Amino acid sequence: MIGSMAGAAVAAAGTPLSKAFAGTDGAMQQLKGNIRHSVSQWCYGDIPLEELAIACKEMGIESIELLGEKDWPA
């Protein structure tokens, strides 16, 4: 349910995934580094893996979980 709501919010905003995590002034929020963040790719199934990886890197997210073996090279 949370993944569906987050996906709907991103789709409704019509912006890239990284913009969904921007602050109210449009600037990216920096992670503090005391938590190792990750996401599950299936929550963002409509976003190509390469694009998701780039957005995650920009946000400081360190890993994308639950990938199939075919996705490991990416």
PDB file of N, CA and C in Angstrom:
ATOM      1  N   MET A   1       0.815  -1.179   0.000  1.00  0.00           N
ATOM      2  CA  MET A   1       0.000   0.000   0.000  1.00  0.00           C
ATOM      3  C   MET A   1       0.871   1.260   0.000  1.00  0.00           C
ATOM      4  N   ILE A   2       1.906   1.278   0.821  1.00  0.00           N
ATOM      5  CA  ILE A   2       2.771   2.453   0.892  1.00  0.00           C
ATOM      6  C   ILE A   2       3.463   2.669  -0.443  1.00  0.00           C
ATOM      7  N   GLY A   3       3.943   1.569  -1.060  1.00  0.00           N
ATOM      8  CA  GLY A   3       4.593   1.678  -2.364  1.00  0.00           C
ATOM      9  C   GLY A   3       3.642   2.228  -3.412  1.00  0.00           C
ATOM     10  N   SER A   4       2.385   1.801  -3.375  1.00  0.00           N
ATOM     11  CA  SER A   4       1.392   2.295  -4.326  1.00  0.00           C
ATOM     12  C   SER A   4       1.130   3.778  -4.119  1.00  0.00           C
ATOM     13  N   MET A   5       1.055   4.194  -2.868  1.00  0.00           N
ATOM     14  CA  MET A   5       0.806   5.604  -2.573  1.00  0.00           C
ATOM     15  C   MET A   5       1.995   6.457  -2.991  1.00  0.00           C
ATOM     16  N   ALA A   6       3.202   5.962  -2.732  1.00  0.00           N
ATOM     17  CA  ALA A   6       4.400   6.715  -3.123  1.00  0.00           C
ATOM     18  C   ALA A   6       4.485   6.801  -4.635  1.00  0.00           C
ATOM     19  N   GLY A   7       4.193   5.699  -5.321  1.00  0.00           N
ATOM     20  CA  GLY A   7       4.206   5.703  -6.778  1.00  0.00           C
ATOM     21  C   GLY A   7       3.171   6.651  -7.343  1.00  0.00           C
ATOM     22  N   ALA A   8       1.994   6.682  -6.739  1.00  0.00           N
ATOM     23  CA  ALA A   8       0.941   7.593  -7.191  1.00  0.00           C
ATOM     24  C   ALA A   8       1.348   9.039  -6.970  1.00  0.00           C
ATOM     25  N   ALA A   9       2.004   9.316  -5.855  1.00  0.00           N
ATOM     26  CA  ALA A   9       2.443  10.688  -5.568  1.00  0.00           C
ATOM     27  C   ALA A   9       3.477  11.146  -6.585  1.00  0.00           C
ATOM     28  N   VAL A  10       4.410  10.257  -6.929  1.00  0.00           N
ATOM     29  CA  VAL A  10       5.425  10.602  -7.923  1.00  0.00           C
ATOM     30  C   VAL A  10       4.782  10.805  -9.282  1.00  0.00           C
ATOM     31  N   ALA A  11       3.855   9.922  -9.643  1.00  0.00           N
ATOM     32  CA  ALA A  11       3.175  10.047 -10.938  1.00  0.00           C
ATOM     33  C   ALA A  11       2.340  11.321 -10.990  1.00  0.00           C
ATOM     34  N   ALA A  12       1.666  11.636  -9.905  1.00  0.00           N
ATOM     35  CA  ALA A  12       0.821  12.834  -9.876  1.00  0.00           C
ATOM     36  C   ALA A  12       1.652  14.104  -9.980  1.00  0.00           C
ATOM     37  N   ALA A  13       2.815  14.069  -9.384  1.00  0.00           N
ATOM     38  CA  ALA A  13       3.676  15.256  -9.426  1.00  0.00           C
ATOM     39  C   ALA A  13       4.262  15.460 -10.811  1.00  0.00           C
ATOM     40  N   GLY A  14       4.368  14.374 -11.589  1.00  0.00           N
ATOM     41  CA  GLY A  14       4.911  14.481 -12.940  1.00  0.00           C
ATOM     42  C   GLY A  14       6.382  14.851 -12.957  1.00  0.00           C
ATOM     43  N   THR A  15       7.107  14.494 -11.916  1.00  0.00           N
ATOM     44  CA  THR A  15       8.513  14.831 -11.821  1.00  0.00           C
ATOM     45  C   THR A  15       9.339  13.571 -11.646  1.00  0.00           C
ATOM     46  N   PRO A  16      10.651  13.626 -11.897  1.00  0.00           N
ATOM     47  CA  PRO A  16      11.500  12.454 -11.663  1.00  0.00           C
ATOM     48  C   PRO A  16      11.490  12.060 -10.199  1.00  0.00           C
ATOM     49  N   LEU A  17      11.874  10.829  -9.941  1.00  0.00           N
ATOM     50  CA  LEU A  17      11.866  10.294  -8.588  1.00  0.00           C
ATOM     51  C   LEU A  17      12.662  11.160  -7.628  1.00  0.00           C
ATOM     52  N   SER A  18      13.792  11.663  -8.038  1.00  0.00           N
ATOM     53  CA  SER A  18      14.622  12.452  -7.132  1.00  0.00           C
ATOM     54  C   SER A  18      13.932  13.743  -6.714  1.00  0.00           C
ATOM     55  N   LYS A  19      13.080  14.301  -7.570  1.00  0.00           N
ATOM     56  CA  LYS A  19      12.354  15.523  -7.226  1.00  0.00           C
ATOM     57  C   LYS A  19      11.330  15.262  -6.126  1.00  0.00           C
ATOM     58  N   ALA A  20      10.848  14.012  -6.020  1.00  0.00           N
ATOM     59  CA  ALA A  20       9.855  13.680  -5.008  1.00  0.00           C
ATOM     60  C   ALA A  20      10.422  13.809  -3.607  1.00  0.00           C
ATOM     61  N   PHE A  21      11.743  13.754  -3.477  1.00  0.00           N
ATOM     62  CA  PHE A  21      12.370  13.838  -2.175  1.00  0.00           C
ATOM     63  C   PHE A  21      13.022  15.196  -1.933  1.00  0.00           C
ATOM     64  N   ALA A  22      12.706  16.172  -2.745  1.00  0.00           N
ATOM     65  CA  ALA A  22      13.258  17.517  -2.563  1.00  0.00           C
ATOM     66  C   ALA A  22      12.521  18.226  -1.433  1.00  0.00           C
ATOM     67  N   GLY A  23      13.181  19.172  -0.830  1.00  0.00           N
ATOM     68  CA  GLY A  23      12.563  19.965   0.234  1.00  0.00           C
ATOM     69  C   GLY A  23      11.566  20.946  -0.352  1.00  0.00           C
ATOM     70  N   THR A  24      10.927  21.719   0.496  1.00  0.00           N
ATOM     71  CA  THR A  24       9.914  22.662   0.045  1.00  0.00           C
ATOM     72  C   THR A  24      10.497  23.761  -0.840  1.00  0.00           C
ATOM     73  N   ASP A  25      11.797  24.031  -0.692  1.00  0.00           N
ATOM     74  CA  ASP A  25      12.429  25.042  -1.540  1.00  0.00           C
ATOM     75  C   ASP A  25      12.983  24.450  -2.829  1.00  0.00           C
ATOM     76  N   GLY A  26      12.753  23.143  -3.044  1.00  0.00           N
ATOM     77  CA  GLY A  26      13.211  22.475  -4.262  1.00  0.00           C
ATOM     78  C   GLY A  26      14.618  21.915  -4.162  1.00  0.00           C
ATOM     79  N   ALA A  27      15.330  22.202  -3.068  1.00  0.00           N
ATOM     80  CA  ALA A  27      16.696  21.690  -2.890  1.00  0.00           C
ATOM     81  C   ALA A  27      16.638  20.263  -2.359  1.00  0.00           C
ATOM     82  N   MET A  28      17.580  19.437  -2.794  1.00  0.00           N
ATOM     83  CA  MET A  28      17.637  18.061  -2.316  1.00  0.00           C
ATOM     84  C   MET A  28      18.002  18.048  -0.835  1.00  0.00           C
ATOM     85  N   GLN A  29      17.365  17.174  -0.106  1.00  0.00           N
ATOM     86  CA  GLN A  29      17.679  17.002   1.305  1.00  0.00           C
ATOM     87  C   GLN A  29      18.871  16.052   1.427  1.00  0.00           C
ATOM     88  N   GLN A  30      19.874  16.427   2.180  1.00  0.00           N
ATOM     89  CA  GLN A  30      21.048  15.598   2.369  1.00  0.00           C
ATOM     90  C   GLN A  30      20.777  14.587   3.477  1.00  0.00           C
ATOM     91  N   LEU A  31      21.180  13.352   3.249  1.00  0.00           N
ATOM     92  CA  LEU A  31      21.080  12.341   4.288  1.00  0.00           C
ATOM     93  C   LEU A  31      22.223  12.546   5.273  1.00  0.00           C
ATOM     94  N   LYS A  32      21.994  12.216   6.528  1.00  0.00           N
ATOM     95  CA  LYS A  32      22.989  12.447   7.566  1.00  0.00           C
ATOM     96  C   LYS A  32      24.103  11.401   7.555  1.00  0.00           C
ATOM     97  N   GLY A  33      23.859  10.235   6.973  1.00  0.00           N
ATOM     98  CA  GLY A  33      24.882   9.203   6.905  1.00  0.00           C
ATOM     99  C   GLY A  33      24.866   8.242   8.076  1.00  0.00           C
ATOM    100  N   ASN A  34      23.960   8.424   9.032  1.00  0.00           N
ATOM    101  CA  ASN A  34      23.920   7.521  10.171  1.00  0.00           C
ATOM    102  C   ASN A  34      22.963   6.343   9.964  1.00  0.00           C
ATOM    103  N   ILE A  35      22.258   6.338   8.852  1.00  0.00           N
ATOM    104  CA  ILE A  35      21.370   5.234   8.488  1.00  0.00           C
ATOM    105  C   ILE A  35      21.722   4.833   7.058  1.00  0.00           C
ATOM    106  N   ARG A  36      21.835   3.539   6.824  1.00  0.00           N
ATOM    107  CA  ARG A  36      22.158   3.049   5.487  1.00  0.00           C
ATOM    108  C   ARG A  36      20.836   2.781   4.749  1.00  0.00           C
ATOM    109  N   HIS A  37      20.453   3.696   3.885  1.00  0.00           N
ATOM    110  CA  HIS A  37      19.170   3.638   3.201  1.00  0.00           C
ATOM    111  C   HIS A  37      19.215   2.695   1.998  1.00  0.00           C
ATOM    112  N   SER A  38      18.066   2.053   1.725  1.00  0.00           N
ATOM    113  CA  SER A  38      17.917   1.230   0.531  1.00  0.00           C
ATOM    114  C   SER A  38      16.453   1.284   0.103  1.00  0.00           C
ATOM    115  N   VAL A  39      16.196   0.867  -1.117  1.00  0.00           N
ATOM    116  CA  VAL A  39      14.830   0.783  -1.631  1.00  0.00           C
ATOM    117  C   VAL A  39      14.647  -0.575  -2.278  1.00  0.00           C
ATOM    118  N   SER A  40      13.410  -0.959  -2.488  1.00  0.00           N
ATOM    119  CA  SER A  40      13.093  -2.180  -3.226  1.00  0.00           C
ATOM    120  C   SER A  40      12.637  -1.776  -4.617  1.00  0.00           C
ATOM    121  N   GLN A  41      13.201  -2.385  -5.623  1.00  0.00           N
ATOM    122  CA  GLN A  41      12.916  -2.015  -7.007  1.00  0.00           C
ATOM    123  C   GLN A  41      11.452  -2.237  -7.364  1.00  0.00           C
ATOM    124  N   TRP A  42      10.811  -3.262  -6.814  1.00  0.00           N
ATOM    125  CA  TRP A  42       9.438  -3.561  -7.203  1.00  0.00           C
ATOM    126  C   TRP A  42       8.476  -2.435  -6.835  1.00  0.00           C
ATOM    127  N   CYS A  43       8.830  -1.613  -5.861  1.00  0.00           N
ATOM    128  CA  CYS A  43       7.963  -0.477  -5.493  1.00  0.00           C
ATOM    129  C   CYS A  43       7.919   0.570  -6.599  1.00  0.00           C
ATOM    130  N   TYR A  44       8.933   0.573  -7.440  1.00  0.00           N
ATOM    131  CA  TYR A  44       9.060   1.565  -8.500  1.00  0.00           C
ATOM    132  C   TYR A  44       9.113   0.862  -9.850  1.00  0.00           C
ATOM    133  N   GLY A  45       8.251  -0.110 -10.048  1.00  0.00           N
ATOM    134  CA  GLY A  45       8.249  -0.952 -11.237  1.00  0.00           C
ATOM    135  C   GLY A  45       8.092  -0.201 -12.548  1.00  0.00           C
ATOM    136  N   ASP A  46       7.477   0.985 -12.520  1.00  0.00           N
ATOM    137  CA  ASP A  46       7.282   1.754 -13.749  1.00  0.00           C
ATOM    138  C   ASP A  46       8.523   2.559 -14.135  1.00  0.00           C
ATOM    139  N   ILE A  47       9.504   2.611 -13.258  1.00  0.00           N
ATOM    140  CA  ILE A  47      10.734   3.371 -13.519  1.00  0.00           C
ATOM    141  C   ILE A  47      11.820   2.389 -13.949  1.00  0.00           C
ATOM    142  N   PRO A  48      12.441   2.600 -15.099  1.00  0.00           N
ATOM    143  CA  PRO A  48      13.524   1.701 -15.524  1.00  0.00           C
ATOM    144  C   PRO A  48      14.617   1.632 -14.453  1.00  0.00           C
ATOM    145  N   LEU A  49      15.215   0.451 -14.289  1.00  0.00           N
ATOM    146  CA  LEU A  49      16.196   0.233 -13.242  1.00  0.00           C
ATOM    147  C   LEU A  49      17.357   1.217 -13.318  1.00  0.00           C
ATOM    148  N   GLU A  50      17.835   1.502 -14.511  1.00  0.00           N
ATOM    149  CA  GLU A  50      18.964   2.427 -14.660  1.00  0.00           C
ATOM    150  C   GLU A  50      18.603   3.825 -14.152  1.00  0.00           C
ATOM    151  N   GLU A  51      17.398   4.281 -14.474  1.00  0.00           N
ATOM    152  CA  GLU A  51      16.934   5.602 -14.020  1.00  0.00           C
ATOM    153  C   GLU A  51      16.754   5.613 -12.502  1.00  0.00           C
ATOM    154  N   LEU A  52      16.212   4.522 -11.954  1.00  0.00           N
ATOM    155  CA  LEU A  52      16.046   4.412 -10.512  1.00  0.00           C
ATOM    156  C   LEU A  52      17.403   4.438  -9.813  1.00  0.00           C
ATOM    157  N   ALA A  53      18.379   3.741 -10.362  1.00  0.00           N
ATOM    158  CA  ALA A  53      19.719   3.703  -9.771  1.00  0.00           C
ATOM    159  C   ALA A  53      20.353   5.096  -9.747  1.00  0.00           C
ATOM    160  N   ILE A  54      20.194   5.842 -10.822  1.00  0.00           N
ATOM    161  CA  ILE A  54      20.744   7.199 -10.880  1.00  0.00           C
ATOM    162  C   ILE A  54      20.083   8.084  -9.829  1.00  0.00           C
ATOM    163  N   ALA A  55      18.746   8.006  -9.729  1.00  0.00           N
ATOM    164  CA  ALA A  55      18.018   8.817  -8.745  1.00  0.00           C
ATOM    165  C   ALA A  55      18.427   8.431  -7.323  1.00  0.00           C
ATOM    166  N   CYS A  56      18.584   7.138  -7.071  1.00  0.00           N
ATOM    167  CA  CYS A  56      18.998   6.679  -5.741  1.00  0.00           C
ATOM    168  C   CYS A  56      20.387   7.200  -5.400  1.00  0.00           C
ATOM    169  N   LYS A  57      21.292   7.129  -6.353  1.00  0.00           N
ATOM    170  CA  LYS A  57      22.655   7.626  -6.139  1.00  0.00           C
ATOM    171  C   LYS A  57      22.630   9.114  -5.792  1.00  0.00           C
ATOM    172  N   GLU A  58      21.816   9.886  -6.512  1.00  0.00           N
ATOM    173  CA  GLU A  58      21.706  11.326  -6.254  1.00  0.00           C
ATOM    174  C   GLU A  58      21.177  11.616  -4.852  1.00  0.00           C
ATOM    175  N   MET A  59      20.307  10.725  -4.344  1.00  0.00           N
ATOM    176  CA  MET A  59      19.710  10.926  -3.016  1.00  0.00           C
ATOM    177  C   MET A  59      20.560  10.352  -1.895  1.00  0.00           C
ATOM    178  N   GLY A  60      21.599   9.599  -2.246  1.00  0.00           N
ATOM    179  CA  GLY A  60      22.437   8.986  -1.226  1.00  0.00           C
ATOM    180  C   GLY A  60      21.961   7.622  -0.775  1.00  0.00           C
ATOM    181  N   ILE A  61      21.013   7.057  -1.495  1.00  0.00           N
ATOM    182  CA  ILE A  61      20.539   5.709  -1.180  1.00  0.00           C
ATOM    183  C   ILE A  61      21.590   4.731  -1.684  1.00  0.00           C
ATOM    184  N   GLU A  62      22.002   3.805  -0.818  1.00  0.00           N
ATOM    185  CA  GLU A  62      23.149   2.964  -1.109  1.00  0.00           C
ATOM    186  C   GLU A  62      22.852   1.674  -1.855  1.00  0.00           C
ATOM    187  N   SER A  63      21.608   1.204  -1.824  1.00  0.00           N
ATOM    188  CA  SER A  63      21.347  -0.058  -2.505  1.00  0.00           C
ATOM    189  C   SER A  63      19.895  -0.154  -2.955  1.00  0.00           C
ATOM    190  N   ILE A  64      19.703  -0.986  -3.967  1.00  0.00           N
ATOM    191  CA  ILE A  64      18.369  -1.332  -4.458  1.00  0.00           C
ATOM    192  C   ILE A  64      18.214  -2.822  -4.197  1.00  0.00           C
ATOM    193  N   GLU A  65      17.239  -3.188  -3.399  1.00  0.00           N
ATOM    194  CA  GLU A  65      17.060  -4.563  -2.951  1.00  0.00           C
ATOM    195  C   GLU A  65      16.063  -5.332  -3.814  1.00  0.00           C
ATOM    196  N   LEU A  66      16.063  -6.625  -3.615  1.00  0.00           N
ATOM    197  CA  LEU A  66      15.111  -7.556  -4.218  1.00  0.00           C
ATOM    198  C   LEU A  66      15.162  -7.549  -5.742  1.00  0.00           C
ATOM    199  N   LEU A  67      16.362  -7.473  -6.299  1.00  0.00           N
ATOM    200  CA  LEU A  67      16.536  -7.540  -7.746  1.00  0.00           C
ATOM    201  C   LEU A  67      16.680  -8.990  -8.172  1.00  0.00           C
ATOM    202  N   GLY A  68      16.251  -9.270  -9.395  1.00  0.00           N
ATOM    203  CA  GLY A  68      16.463 -10.585  -9.962  1.00  0.00           C
ATOM    204  C   GLY A  68      17.863 -10.708 -10.521  1.00  0.00           C
ATOM    205  N   GLU A  69      18.302 -11.926 -10.763  1.00  0.00           N
ATOM    206  CA  GLU A  69      19.654 -12.164 -11.263  1.00  0.00           C
ATOM    207  C   GLU A  69      19.909 -11.446 -12.576  1.00  0.00           C
ATOM    208  N   LYS A  70      18.887 -11.302 -13.412  1.00  0.00           N
ATOM    209  CA  LYS A  70      19.048 -10.611 -14.703  1.00  0.00           C
ATOM    210  C   LYS A  70      19.396  -9.128 -14.526  1.00  0.00           C
ATOM    211  N   ASP A  71      19.077  -8.555 -13.357  1.00  0.00           N
ATOM    212  CA  ASP A  71      19.319  -7.134 -13.096  1.00  0.00           C
ATOM    213  C   ASP A  71      20.652  -6.862 -12.415  1.00  0.00           C
ATOM    214  N   TRP A  72      21.385  -7.889 -11.996  1.00  0.00           N
ATOM    215  CA  TRP A  72      22.618  -7.709 -11.247  1.00  0.00           C
ATOM    216  C   TRP A  72      23.677  -6.893 -12.002  1.00  0.00           C
ATOM    217  N   PRO A  73      23.836  -7.075 -13.315  1.00  0.00           N
ATOM    218  CA  PRO A  73      24.874  -6.276 -14.011  1.00  0.00           C
ATOM    219  C   PRO A  73      24.610  -4.774 -13.925  1.00  0.00           C
ATOM    220  N   ALA A  74      23.355  -4.376 -13.934  1.00  0.00           N
ATOM    221  CA  ALA A  74      23.019  -2.953 -13.861  1.00  0.00           C
ATOM    222  C   ALA A  74      23.402  -2.405 -12.511  1.00  0.00           C
TER     223      ALA A  74
END
